[in-house]
Amino acid sequence: MKLFMALLLACVVLSSGCIETEDIIMSKIAEETGLGFLCKYTKTEAGSNYCYENMALKTLDPDLCQRISGVEGRNDCVKEFVEKGGDGNLCGQIRQDDDEMNSCYMQTSYDRKQPNLCRPITDWGQRNSCYYNLGYKLGDETICRKIDKTYQTGGRRAYCFTAAAKKNNDAKLCDEIMDEGLKDSCLKKVGGQT
């Protein structure tokens, strides 16, 4: 019955001739019925894209984002899908914009406390920054160990281990810090010897 009503409404809308209103109504029908295939019956590209994005978010089906014409529209749909709780690995579907893809992975990793989402980041500095931000936030030495040792020049690896040492009350973690001044500072914060 639901399908019959949706198809009947679709026929009425298609015969009405008002394109903008038609697209909005078709989108609403698709949303209300959960029938994503109705999006292809919109009259304009913008209407179709709007319909597919709404359906992707409503039905939790990221594949509908790929039906959107234009890379930017598909990327926006994927980002919104991930932001609304979709699988963070979908950030990898963002195309032709590494900064957007890396930003999606970094933010999702931080928000969800998932260090595995730092790994696919293509920019070396951003990937290390992702590990640092998360390791520092959680005080987790296993995440701090993922920060490249050559990334120490800014002290981020050291600050990450200092946060982990404080959180776990473990002065031995300060031994991971190469810079003697930063190592001493870590030991003082944990209450260890200098």
N, C-alpha and C. Protein backbone atom coordinates (compact mmCIF):
# COMPACT_ATOMS: atom_id res chain seq x y z
N MET A 1 0.83 -1.19 0.00
CA MET A 1 0.00 0.00 0.00
C MET A 1 0.88 1.26 0.00
N LYS A 2 1.93 1.23 0.80
CA LYS A 2 2.84 2.37 0.88
C LYS A 2 3.46 2.65 -0.49
N LEU A 3 3.89 1.59 -1.16
CA LEU A 3 4.49 1.73 -2.47
C LEU A 3 3.47 2.26 -3.48
N PHE A 4 2.26 1.76 -3.42
CA PHE A 4 1.21 2.21 -4.34
C PHE A 4 0.95 3.71 -4.16
N MET A 5 0.84 4.16 -2.91
CA MET A 5 0.58 5.58 -2.64
C MET A 5 1.75 6.44 -3.11
N ALA A 6 2.97 5.95 -2.90
CA ALA A 6 4.14 6.70 -3.34
C ALA A 6 4.15 6.84 -4.85
N LEU A 7 3.85 5.76 -5.54
CA LEU A 7 3.83 5.80 -7.01
C LEU A 7 2.69 6.68 -7.52
N LEU A 8 1.55 6.63 -6.88
CA LEU A 8 0.43 7.47 -7.27
C LEU A 8 0.79 8.95 -7.10
N LEU A 9 1.36 9.30 -5.95
CA LEU A 9 1.79 10.68 -5.73
C LEU A 9 2.86 11.08 -6.73
N ALA A 10 3.78 10.18 -7.04
CA ALA A 10 4.83 10.47 -8.01
C ALA A 10 4.22 10.78 -9.37
N CYS A 11 3.23 10.03 -9.78
CA CYS A 11 2.56 10.27 -11.07
C CYS A 11 1.89 11.63 -11.09
N VAL A 12 1.23 12.00 -10.01
CA VAL A 12 0.57 13.31 -9.93
C VAL A 12 1.60 14.42 -10.02
N VAL A 13 2.70 14.27 -9.29
CA VAL A 13 3.75 15.28 -9.29
C VAL A 13 4.36 15.42 -10.68
N LEU A 14 4.67 14.31 -11.31
CA LEU A 14 5.30 14.34 -12.62
C LEU A 14 4.41 14.98 -13.68
N SER A 15 3.12 14.85 -13.53
CA SER A 15 2.21 15.42 -14.52
C SER A 15 1.91 16.89 -14.25
N SER A 16 2.30 17.42 -13.09
CA SER A 16 1.96 18.79 -12.73
C SER A 16 2.78 19.82 -13.50
N GLY A 17 4.06 19.55 -13.78
CA GLY A 17 4.84 20.45 -14.61
C GLY A 17 5.65 21.51 -13.88
N CYS A 18 5.47 21.74 -12.62
CA CYS A 18 6.25 22.74 -11.89
C CYS A 18 7.53 22.07 -11.39
N ILE A 19 8.64 22.36 -12.06
CA ILE A 19 9.88 21.61 -11.84
C ILE A 19 10.41 21.74 -10.41
N GLU A 20 10.55 22.96 -9.90
CA GLU A 20 11.14 23.13 -8.58
C GLU A 20 10.27 22.48 -7.51
N THR A 21 8.99 22.74 -7.56
CA THR A 21 8.07 22.14 -6.60
C THR A 21 8.04 20.63 -6.76
N GLU A 22 8.10 20.21 -8.01
CA GLU A 22 8.09 18.78 -8.32
C GLU A 22 9.28 18.07 -7.66
N ASP A 23 10.45 18.69 -7.76
CA ASP A 23 11.65 18.10 -7.16
C ASP A 23 11.52 17.99 -5.64
N ILE A 24 11.00 19.03 -5.03
CA ILE A 24 10.84 19.03 -3.58
C ILE A 24 9.84 17.96 -3.16
N ILE A 25 8.73 17.88 -3.86
CA ILE A 25 7.71 16.89 -3.52
C ILE A 25 8.24 15.48 -3.73
N MET A 26 8.93 15.26 -4.85
CA MET A 26 9.48 13.93 -5.13
C MET A 26 10.48 13.54 -4.04
N SER A 27 11.29 14.51 -3.62
CA SER A 27 12.26 14.27 -2.55
C SER A 27 11.55 13.88 -1.26
N LYS A 28 10.49 14.60 -0.94
CA LYS A 28 9.73 14.32 0.28
C LYS A 28 9.08 12.93 0.21
N ILE A 29 8.56 12.59 -0.96
CA ILE A 29 7.94 11.27 -1.11
C ILE A 29 8.99 10.18 -0.90
N ALA A 30 10.16 10.38 -1.51
CA ALA A 30 11.25 9.40 -1.35
C ALA A 30 11.63 9.27 0.12
N GLU A 31 11.75 10.43 0.79
CA GLU A 31 12.10 10.42 2.22
C GLU A 31 11.05 9.70 3.06
N GLU A 32 9.80 10.06 2.86
CA GLU A 32 8.71 9.50 3.67
C GLU A 32 8.55 8.00 3.47
N THR A 33 8.77 7.54 2.26
CA THR A 33 8.56 6.12 1.97
C THR A 33 9.84 5.30 2.12
N GLY A 34 10.99 6.00 2.14
CA GLY A 34 12.27 5.29 2.20
C GLY A 34 12.65 4.66 0.87
N LEU A 35 12.03 5.12 -0.20
CA LEU A 35 12.28 4.56 -1.53
C LEU A 35 13.24 5.47 -2.30
N GLY A 36 14.53 5.22 -2.14
CA GLY A 36 15.56 6.06 -2.74
C GLY A 36 15.52 6.10 -4.26
N PHE A 37 15.00 5.06 -4.90
CA PHE A 37 14.97 5.04 -6.36
C PHE A 37 14.12 6.18 -6.93
N LEU A 38 13.22 6.74 -6.12
CA LEU A 38 12.38 7.84 -6.59
C LEU A 38 13.19 9.10 -6.88
N CYS A 39 14.39 9.20 -6.30
CA CYS A 39 15.23 10.38 -6.53
C CYS A 39 15.58 10.55 -8.01
N LYS A 40 15.64 9.47 -8.74
CA LYS A 40 16.01 9.58 -10.16
C LYS A 40 14.88 10.20 -10.99
N TYR A 41 13.70 10.36 -10.40
CA TYR A 41 12.58 10.94 -11.13
C TYR A 41 12.45 12.45 -10.90
N THR A 42 13.39 13.05 -10.20
CA THR A 42 13.38 14.51 -10.08
C THR A 42 13.75 15.09 -11.44
N LYS A 43 13.38 16.34 -11.67
CA LYS A 43 13.58 16.95 -12.98
C LYS A 43 14.92 17.67 -13.12
N THR A 44 15.51 18.08 -12.01
CA THR A 44 16.76 18.83 -12.10
C THR A 44 17.88 18.07 -11.39
N GLU A 45 19.09 18.38 -11.79
CA GLU A 45 20.27 17.78 -11.16
C GLU A 45 20.33 18.17 -9.69
N ALA A 46 20.05 19.44 -9.40
CA ALA A 46 20.08 19.91 -8.01
C ALA A 46 19.04 19.17 -7.17
N GLY A 47 17.86 18.96 -7.74
CA GLY A 47 16.81 18.23 -7.02
C GLY A 47 17.20 16.80 -6.75
N SER A 48 17.81 16.18 -7.74
CA SER A 48 18.27 14.80 -7.60
C SER A 48 19.35 14.70 -6.52
N ASN A 49 20.31 15.62 -6.56
CA ASN A 49 21.39 15.62 -5.56
C ASN A 49 20.85 15.81 -4.15
N TYR A 50 19.93 16.76 -4.01
CA TYR A 50 19.30 17.02 -2.72
C TYR A 50 18.59 15.77 -2.21
N CYS A 51 17.87 15.12 -3.09
CA CYS A 51 17.12 13.92 -2.73
C CYS A 51 18.06 12.80 -2.30
N TYR A 52 19.12 12.55 -3.08
CA TYR A 52 20.05 11.47 -2.74
C TYR A 52 20.76 11.73 -1.42
N GLU A 53 21.16 12.97 -1.16
CA GLU A 53 21.84 13.27 0.10
C GLU A 53 20.89 13.05 1.28
N ASN A 54 19.68 13.54 1.18
CA ASN A 54 18.71 13.34 2.26
C ASN A 54 18.42 11.86 2.49
N MET A 55 18.30 11.12 1.40
CA MET A 55 18.03 9.69 1.52
C MET A 55 19.22 8.95 2.14
N ALA A 56 20.43 9.33 1.77
CA ALA A 56 21.62 8.70 2.34
C ALA A 56 21.63 8.86 3.85
N LEU A 57 21.30 10.06 4.32
CA LEU A 57 21.31 10.34 5.75
C LEU A 57 20.12 9.68 6.46
N LYS A 58 18.98 9.68 5.81
CA LYS A 58 17.78 9.09 6.44
C LYS A 58 17.87 7.57 6.51
N THR A 59 18.32 6.95 5.45
CA THR A 59 18.35 5.48 5.40
C THR A 59 19.69 4.90 5.85
N LEU A 60 20.62 5.79 6.20
CA LEU A 60 21.97 5.38 6.61
C LEU A 60 22.64 4.52 5.53
N ASP A 61 22.48 4.94 4.29
CA ASP A 61 23.04 4.23 3.14
C ASP A 61 24.03 5.14 2.42
N PRO A 62 25.33 5.01 2.74
CA PRO A 62 26.33 5.90 2.14
C PRO A 62 26.47 5.71 0.63
N ASP A 63 26.04 4.57 0.10
CA ASP A 63 26.13 4.35 -1.34
C ASP A 63 25.30 5.36 -2.13
N LEU A 64 24.26 5.90 -1.50
CA LEU A 64 23.44 6.90 -2.18
C LEU A 64 24.22 8.18 -2.43
N CYS A 65 25.23 8.46 -1.61
CA CYS A 65 26.08 9.64 -1.84
C CYS A 65 26.78 9.54 -3.20
N GLN A 66 27.10 8.33 -3.61
CA GLN A 66 27.83 8.14 -4.87
C GLN A 66 26.95 8.41 -6.09
N ARG A 67 25.66 8.51 -5.90
CA ARG A 67 24.75 8.81 -7.02
C ARG A 67 24.63 10.31 -7.27
N ILE A 68 25.22 11.10 -6.38
CA ILE A 68 25.17 12.56 -6.54
C ILE A 68 26.13 12.95 -7.65
N SER A 69 25.66 13.83 -8.54
CA SER A 69 26.54 14.27 -9.63
C SER A 69 27.48 15.36 -9.09
N GLY A 70 28.70 15.31 -9.51
CA GLY A 70 29.69 16.30 -9.07
C GLY A 70 30.44 15.84 -7.84
N VAL A 71 31.75 15.92 -7.92
CA VAL A 71 32.62 15.46 -6.84
C VAL A 71 32.36 16.22 -5.55
N GLU A 72 32.20 17.53 -5.63
CA GLU A 72 32.01 18.34 -4.42
C GLU A 72 30.74 17.93 -3.68
N GLY A 73 29.67 17.71 -4.41
CA GLY A 73 28.41 17.28 -3.78
C GLY A 73 28.54 15.91 -3.13
N ARG A 74 29.22 14.98 -3.81
CA ARG A 74 29.44 13.64 -3.22
C ARG A 74 30.29 13.76 -1.97
N ASN A 75 31.35 14.57 -2.04
CA ASN A 75 32.22 14.74 -0.87
C ASN A 75 31.45 15.32 0.31
N ASP A 76 30.61 16.33 0.05
CA ASP A 76 29.81 16.93 1.13
C ASP A 76 28.87 15.90 1.75
N CYS A 77 28.28 15.07 0.92
CA CYS A 77 27.37 14.03 1.41
C CYS A 77 28.12 13.04 2.30
N VAL A 78 29.29 12.60 1.86
CA VAL A 78 30.09 11.65 2.64
C VAL A 78 30.48 12.28 3.98
N LYS A 79 30.96 13.53 3.96
CA LYS A 79 31.36 14.20 5.20
C LYS A 79 30.18 14.30 6.17
N GLU A 80 29.03 14.70 5.65
CA GLU A 80 27.86 14.82 6.52
C GLU A 80 27.43 13.46 7.06
N PHE A 81 27.52 12.45 6.23
CA PHE A 81 27.17 11.09 6.65
C PHE A 81 28.07 10.65 7.81
N VAL A 82 29.37 10.89 7.68
CA VAL A 82 30.33 10.51 8.73
C VAL A 82 30.07 11.34 9.99
N GLU A 83 29.84 12.65 9.82
CA GLU A 83 29.57 13.52 10.97
C GLU A 83 28.33 13.07 11.75
N LYS A 84 27.36 12.52 11.05
CA LYS A 84 26.12 12.07 11.70
C LYS A 84 26.27 10.69 12.32
N GLY A 85 27.49 10.15 12.33
CA GLY A 85 27.72 8.87 13.00
C GLY A 85 28.04 7.71 12.09
N GLY A 86 28.12 7.95 10.78
CA GLY A 86 28.47 6.87 9.85
C GLY A 86 29.90 6.42 10.03
N ASP A 87 30.25 5.32 9.43
CA ASP A 87 31.58 4.72 9.52
C ASP A 87 32.66 5.72 9.12
N GLY A 88 33.60 5.98 10.02
CA GLY A 88 34.68 6.93 9.78
C GLY A 88 35.57 6.55 8.61
N ASN A 89 35.64 5.27 8.28
CA ASN A 89 36.45 4.84 7.14
C ASN A 89 35.91 5.36 5.82
N LEU A 90 34.67 5.83 5.82
CA LEU A 90 34.08 6.39 4.60
C LEU A 90 34.76 7.70 4.19
N CYS A 91 35.53 8.30 5.10
CA CYS A 91 36.29 9.51 4.74
C CYS A 91 37.15 9.24 3.51
N GLY A 92 37.56 8.00 3.33
CA GLY A 92 38.38 7.63 2.17
C GLY A 92 37.65 7.75 0.85
N GLN A 93 36.33 7.92 0.88
CA GLN A 93 35.56 8.10 -0.35
C GLN A 93 35.56 9.55 -0.82
N ILE A 94 36.16 10.44 -0.04
CA ILE A 94 36.26 11.84 -0.45
C ILE A 94 37.31 11.92 -1.54
N ARG A 95 36.95 12.47 -2.68
CA ARG A 95 37.81 12.46 -3.87
C ARG A 95 38.30 13.86 -4.24
N GLN A 96 39.46 13.88 -4.86
CA GLN A 96 40.06 15.07 -5.45
C GLN A 96 40.30 16.20 -4.45
N ASP A 97 40.34 15.89 -3.18
CA ASP A 97 40.61 16.91 -2.17
C ASP A 97 41.21 16.23 -0.94
N ASP A 98 42.53 16.02 -0.98
CA ASP A 98 43.21 15.34 0.12
C ASP A 98 43.05 16.08 1.45
N ASP A 99 43.04 17.42 1.40
CA ASP A 99 42.88 18.18 2.65
C ASP A 99 41.53 17.87 3.31
N GLU A 100 40.48 17.81 2.50
CA GLU A 100 39.15 17.49 3.04
C GLU A 100 39.12 16.07 3.59
N MET A 101 39.71 15.14 2.85
CA MET A 101 39.73 13.74 3.29
C MET A 101 40.52 13.62 4.60
N ASN A 102 41.70 14.23 4.65
CA ASN A 102 42.53 14.16 5.85
C ASN A 102 41.83 14.82 7.04
N SER A 103 41.18 15.94 6.79
CA SER A 103 40.45 16.64 7.85
C SER A 103 39.30 15.78 8.38
N CYS A 104 38.62 15.09 7.49
CA CYS A 104 37.53 14.19 7.88
C CYS A 104 38.06 13.09 8.79
N TYR A 105 39.16 12.46 8.38
CA TYR A 105 39.76 11.40 9.21
C TYR A 105 40.20 11.95 10.56
N MET A 106 40.87 13.11 10.55
CA MET A 106 41.42 13.66 11.78
C MET A 106 40.31 14.00 12.78
N GLN A 107 39.29 14.70 12.31
CA GLN A 107 38.20 15.11 13.20
C GLN A 107 37.43 13.90 13.73
N THR A 108 37.18 12.95 12.85
CA THR A 108 36.42 11.76 13.26
C THR A 108 37.22 10.93 14.26
N SER A 109 38.52 10.80 14.02
CA SER A 109 39.39 10.07 14.94
C SER A 109 39.35 10.70 16.33
N TYR A 110 39.45 12.03 16.37
CA TYR A 110 39.46 12.75 17.64
C TYR A 110 38.11 12.64 18.35
N ASP A 111 37.03 12.88 17.61
CA ASP A 111 35.69 12.85 18.22
C ASP A 111 35.32 11.48 18.75
N ARG A 112 35.74 10.44 18.04
CA ARG A 112 35.34 9.07 18.42
C ARG A 112 36.43 8.30 19.16
N LYS A 113 37.56 8.96 19.37
CA LYS A 113 38.70 8.34 20.08
C LYS A 113 39.14 7.05 19.38
N GLN A 114 39.31 7.14 18.06
CA GLN A 114 39.69 5.98 17.25
C GLN A 114 41.01 6.26 16.52
N PRO A 115 42.13 5.83 17.10
CA PRO A 115 43.43 6.11 16.48
C PRO A 115 43.61 5.43 15.12
N ASN A 116 42.88 4.36 14.85
CA ASN A 116 43.01 3.68 13.55
C ASN A 116 42.61 4.60 12.39
N LEU A 117 41.84 5.65 12.66
CA LEU A 117 41.44 6.58 11.61
C LEU A 117 42.53 7.60 11.29
N CYS A 118 43.61 7.62 12.07
CA CYS A 118 44.75 8.49 11.74
C CYS A 118 45.59 7.86 10.63
N ARG A 119 45.65 6.55 10.61
CA ARG A 119 46.53 5.82 9.68
C ARG A 119 46.33 6.18 8.21
N PRO A 120 45.08 6.31 7.71
CA PRO A 120 44.91 6.59 6.28
C PRO A 120 45.22 8.03 5.86
N ILE A 121 45.51 8.91 6.82
CA ILE A 121 45.79 10.30 6.47
C ILE A 121 47.04 10.34 5.60
N THR A 122 46.93 10.98 4.45
CA THR A 122 48.01 10.95 3.45
C THR A 122 49.14 11.92 3.74
N ASP A 123 48.87 13.00 4.45
CA ASP A 123 49.91 13.99 4.76
C ASP A 123 50.64 13.57 6.05
N TRP A 124 51.95 13.43 5.96
CA TRP A 124 52.78 12.96 7.08
C TRP A 124 52.57 13.82 8.33
N GLY A 125 52.64 15.13 8.18
CA GLY A 125 52.49 16.03 9.33
C GLY A 125 51.11 15.94 9.96
N GLN A 126 50.08 15.89 9.12
CA GLN A 126 48.71 15.80 9.64
C GLN A 126 48.47 14.46 10.33
N ARG A 127 49.06 13.39 9.78
CA ARG A 127 48.90 12.06 10.40
C ARG A 127 49.54 12.07 11.79
N ASN A 128 50.75 12.62 11.91
CA ASN A 128 51.41 12.69 13.21
C ASN A 128 50.67 13.61 14.16
N SER A 129 50.12 14.67 13.63
CA SER A 129 49.33 15.59 14.45
C SER A 129 48.06 14.89 14.97
N CYS A 130 47.47 14.06 14.13
CA CYS A 130 46.29 13.28 14.53
C CYS A 130 46.63 12.36 15.71
N TYR A 131 47.74 11.64 15.57
CA TYR A 131 48.16 10.75 16.67
C TYR A 131 48.47 11.56 17.93
N TYR A 132 49.14 12.70 17.76
CA TYR A 132 49.47 13.54 18.91
C TYR A 132 48.20 14.00 19.62
N ASN A 133 47.27 14.59 18.86
CA ASN A 133 46.05 15.13 19.47
C ASN A 133 45.29 14.07 20.25
N LEU A 134 45.20 12.90 19.67
CA LEU A 134 44.45 11.82 20.31
C LEU A 134 45.22 11.22 21.49
N GLY A 135 46.52 10.99 21.29
CA GLY A 135 47.35 10.45 22.37
C GLY A 135 47.40 11.38 23.57
N TYR A 136 47.52 12.68 23.30
CA TYR A 136 47.56 13.68 24.36
C TYR A 136 46.21 13.73 25.08
N LYS A 137 45.13 13.73 24.32
CA LYS A 137 43.78 13.79 24.89
C LYS A 137 43.51 12.60 25.81
N LEU A 138 43.91 11.41 25.35
CA LEU A 138 43.61 10.19 26.09
C LEU A 138 44.70 9.78 27.07
N GLY A 139 45.89 10.38 26.92
CA GLY A 139 47.01 9.97 27.76
C GLY A 139 47.39 8.53 27.50
N ASP A 140 47.37 8.14 26.25
CA ASP A 140 47.58 6.74 25.85
C ASP A 140 48.94 6.59 25.17
N GLU A 141 49.87 5.92 25.86
CA GLU A 141 51.23 5.79 25.32
C GLU A 141 51.29 4.97 24.05
N THR A 142 50.34 4.05 23.84
CA THR A 142 50.37 3.26 22.60
C THR A 142 50.11 4.16 21.39
N ILE A 143 49.30 5.18 21.57
CA ILE A 143 49.07 6.14 20.48
C ILE A 143 50.29 7.03 20.32
N CYS A 144 50.89 7.45 21.44
CA CYS A 144 52.09 8.29 21.37
C CYS A 144 53.21 7.59 20.61
N ARG A 145 53.31 6.28 20.74
CA ARG A 145 54.36 5.52 20.04
C ARG A 145 54.17 5.54 18.51
N LYS A 146 52.98 5.84 18.06
CA LYS A 146 52.72 5.90 16.62
C LYS A 146 53.21 7.20 16.00
N ILE A 147 53.51 8.18 16.83
CA ILE A 147 54.04 9.44 16.32
C ILE A 147 55.46 9.19 15.85
N ASP A 148 55.75 9.58 14.63
CA ASP A 148 57.07 9.38 14.05
C ASP A 148 58.14 10.01 14.94
N LYS A 149 59.22 9.27 15.19
CA LYS A 149 60.29 9.77 16.07
C LYS A 149 60.94 11.03 15.53
N THR A 150 60.92 11.19 14.22
CA THR A 150 61.50 12.41 13.64
C THR A 150 60.57 13.60 13.80
N TYR A 151 59.37 13.36 14.28
CA TYR A 151 58.40 14.43 14.51
C TYR A 151 58.64 15.09 15.87
N GLN A 152 59.74 14.75 16.52
CA GLN A 152 60.02 15.26 17.87
C GLN A 152 60.47 16.70 17.89
N THR A 153 60.89 17.25 16.75
CA THR A 153 61.46 18.59 16.77
C THR A 153 60.50 19.60 17.38
N GLY A 154 59.20 19.42 17.19
CA GLY A 154 58.22 20.33 17.78
C GLY A 154 57.87 19.95 19.21
N GLY A 155 58.42 18.85 19.69
CA GLY A 155 58.15 18.42 21.05
C GLY A 155 56.82 17.69 21.22
N ARG A 156 56.09 17.50 20.14
CA ARG A 156 54.76 16.89 20.28
C ARG A 156 54.83 15.46 20.81
N ARG A 157 55.78 14.69 20.34
CA ARG A 157 55.90 13.32 20.84
C ARG A 157 56.21 13.35 22.34
N ALA A 158 57.08 14.27 22.72
CA ALA A 158 57.44 14.42 24.13
C ALA A 158 56.23 14.83 24.97
N TYR A 159 55.45 15.78 24.47
CA TYR A 159 54.27 16.23 25.23
C TYR A 159 53.22 15.13 25.33
N CYS A 160 53.13 14.32 24.30
CA CYS A 160 52.20 13.20 24.31
C CYS A 160 52.61 12.20 25.41
N PHE A 161 53.90 11.87 25.45
CA PHE A 161 54.37 10.93 26.47
C PHE A 161 54.26 11.54 27.87
N THR A 162 54.43 12.85 27.99
CA THR A 162 54.26 13.50 29.29
C THR A 162 52.81 13.35 29.76
N ALA A 163 51.87 13.57 28.85
CA ALA A 163 50.45 13.41 29.21
C ALA A 163 50.15 11.97 29.61
N ALA A 164 50.73 11.01 28.88
CA ALA A 164 50.52 9.59 29.19
C ALA A 164 51.14 9.24 30.54
N ALA A 165 52.34 9.77 30.80
CA ALA A 165 53.02 9.50 32.07
C ALA A 165 52.21 10.04 33.24
N LYS A 166 51.67 11.26 33.08
CA LYS A 166 50.84 11.85 34.14
C LYS A 166 49.57 11.04 34.36
N LYS A 167 48.89 10.71 33.28
CA LYS A 167 47.61 9.99 33.40
C LYS A 167 47.80 8.63 34.05
N ASN A 168 48.86 7.94 33.67
CA ASN A 168 49.10 6.58 34.17
C ASN A 168 50.02 6.55 35.40
N ASN A 169 50.45 7.75 35.84
CA ASN A 169 51.38 7.86 36.96
C ASN A 169 52.56 6.91 36.77
N ASP A 170 53.19 7.01 35.60
CA ASP A 170 54.26 6.09 35.21
C ASP A 170 55.45 6.89 34.68
N ALA A 171 56.42 7.13 35.57
CA ALA A 171 57.60 7.92 35.20
C ALA A 171 58.44 7.23 34.13
N LYS A 172 58.32 5.92 33.98
CA LYS A 172 59.10 5.20 32.95
C LYS A 172 58.75 5.68 31.54
N LEU A 173 57.55 6.17 31.36
CA LEU A 173 57.16 6.67 30.05
C LEU A 173 57.96 7.91 29.65
N CYS A 174 58.49 8.62 30.64
CA CYS A 174 59.33 9.79 30.34
C CYS A 174 60.61 9.38 29.63
N ASP A 175 61.04 8.12 29.80
CA ASP A 175 62.25 7.63 29.13
C ASP A 175 62.09 7.59 27.61
N GLU A 176 60.88 7.65 27.11
CA GLU A 176 60.63 7.67 25.66
C GLU A 176 60.99 9.02 25.05
N ILE A 177 61.20 10.03 25.89
CA ILE A 177 61.47 11.39 25.43
C ILE A 177 62.97 11.57 25.23
N MET A 178 63.37 11.97 24.03
CA MET A 178 64.79 12.12 23.69
C MET A 178 65.40 13.40 24.25
N ASP A 179 64.69 14.49 24.17
CA ASP A 179 65.20 15.78 24.63
C ASP A 179 65.30 15.76 26.15
N GLU A 180 66.51 16.00 26.67
CA GLU A 180 66.74 15.90 28.12
C GLU A 180 65.93 16.91 28.92
N GLY A 181 65.80 18.12 28.41
CA GLY A 181 65.02 19.14 29.11
C GLY A 181 63.55 18.76 29.21
N LEU A 182 62.99 18.25 28.12
CA LEU A 182 61.59 17.82 28.13
C LEU A 182 61.40 16.57 28.97
N LYS A 183 62.43 15.70 28.98
CA LYS A 183 62.36 14.49 29.81
C LYS A 183 62.35 14.88 31.29
N ASP A 184 63.20 15.83 31.68
CA ASP A 184 63.23 16.30 33.07
C ASP A 184 61.88 16.93 33.46
N SER A 185 61.33 17.70 32.53
CA SER A 185 60.03 18.32 32.79
C SER A 185 58.95 17.25 33.00
N CYS A 186 59.00 16.21 32.20
CA CYS A 186 58.05 15.09 32.33
C CYS A 186 58.20 14.44 33.70
N LEU A 187 59.42 14.16 34.08
CA LEU A 187 59.68 13.50 35.37
C LEU A 187 59.17 14.35 36.54
N LYS A 188 59.36 15.66 36.45
CA LYS A 188 58.88 16.56 37.50
C LYS A 188 57.35 16.51 37.60
N LYS A 189 56.69 16.47 36.45
CA LYS A 189 55.22 16.46 36.45
C LYS A 189 54.65 15.16 37.00
N VAL A 190 55.41 14.07 36.83
CA VAL A 190 54.94 12.77 37.30
C VAL A 190 55.40 12.52 38.74
N GLY A 191 56.39 13.27 39.16
CA GLY A 191 56.91 13.08 40.51
C GLY A 191 58.08 12.13 40.56
N GLY A 192 58.70 11.90 39.40
CA GLY A 192 59.87 11.01 39.34
C GLY A 192 61.15 11.79 39.59
N GLN A 193 62.25 11.10 39.58
CA GLN A 193 63.57 11.70 39.80
C GLN A 193 64.01 12.47 38.56
N THR A 194 64.84 13.49 38.75
CA THR A 194 65.46 14.19 37.61
C THR A 194 66.96 14.11 37.72
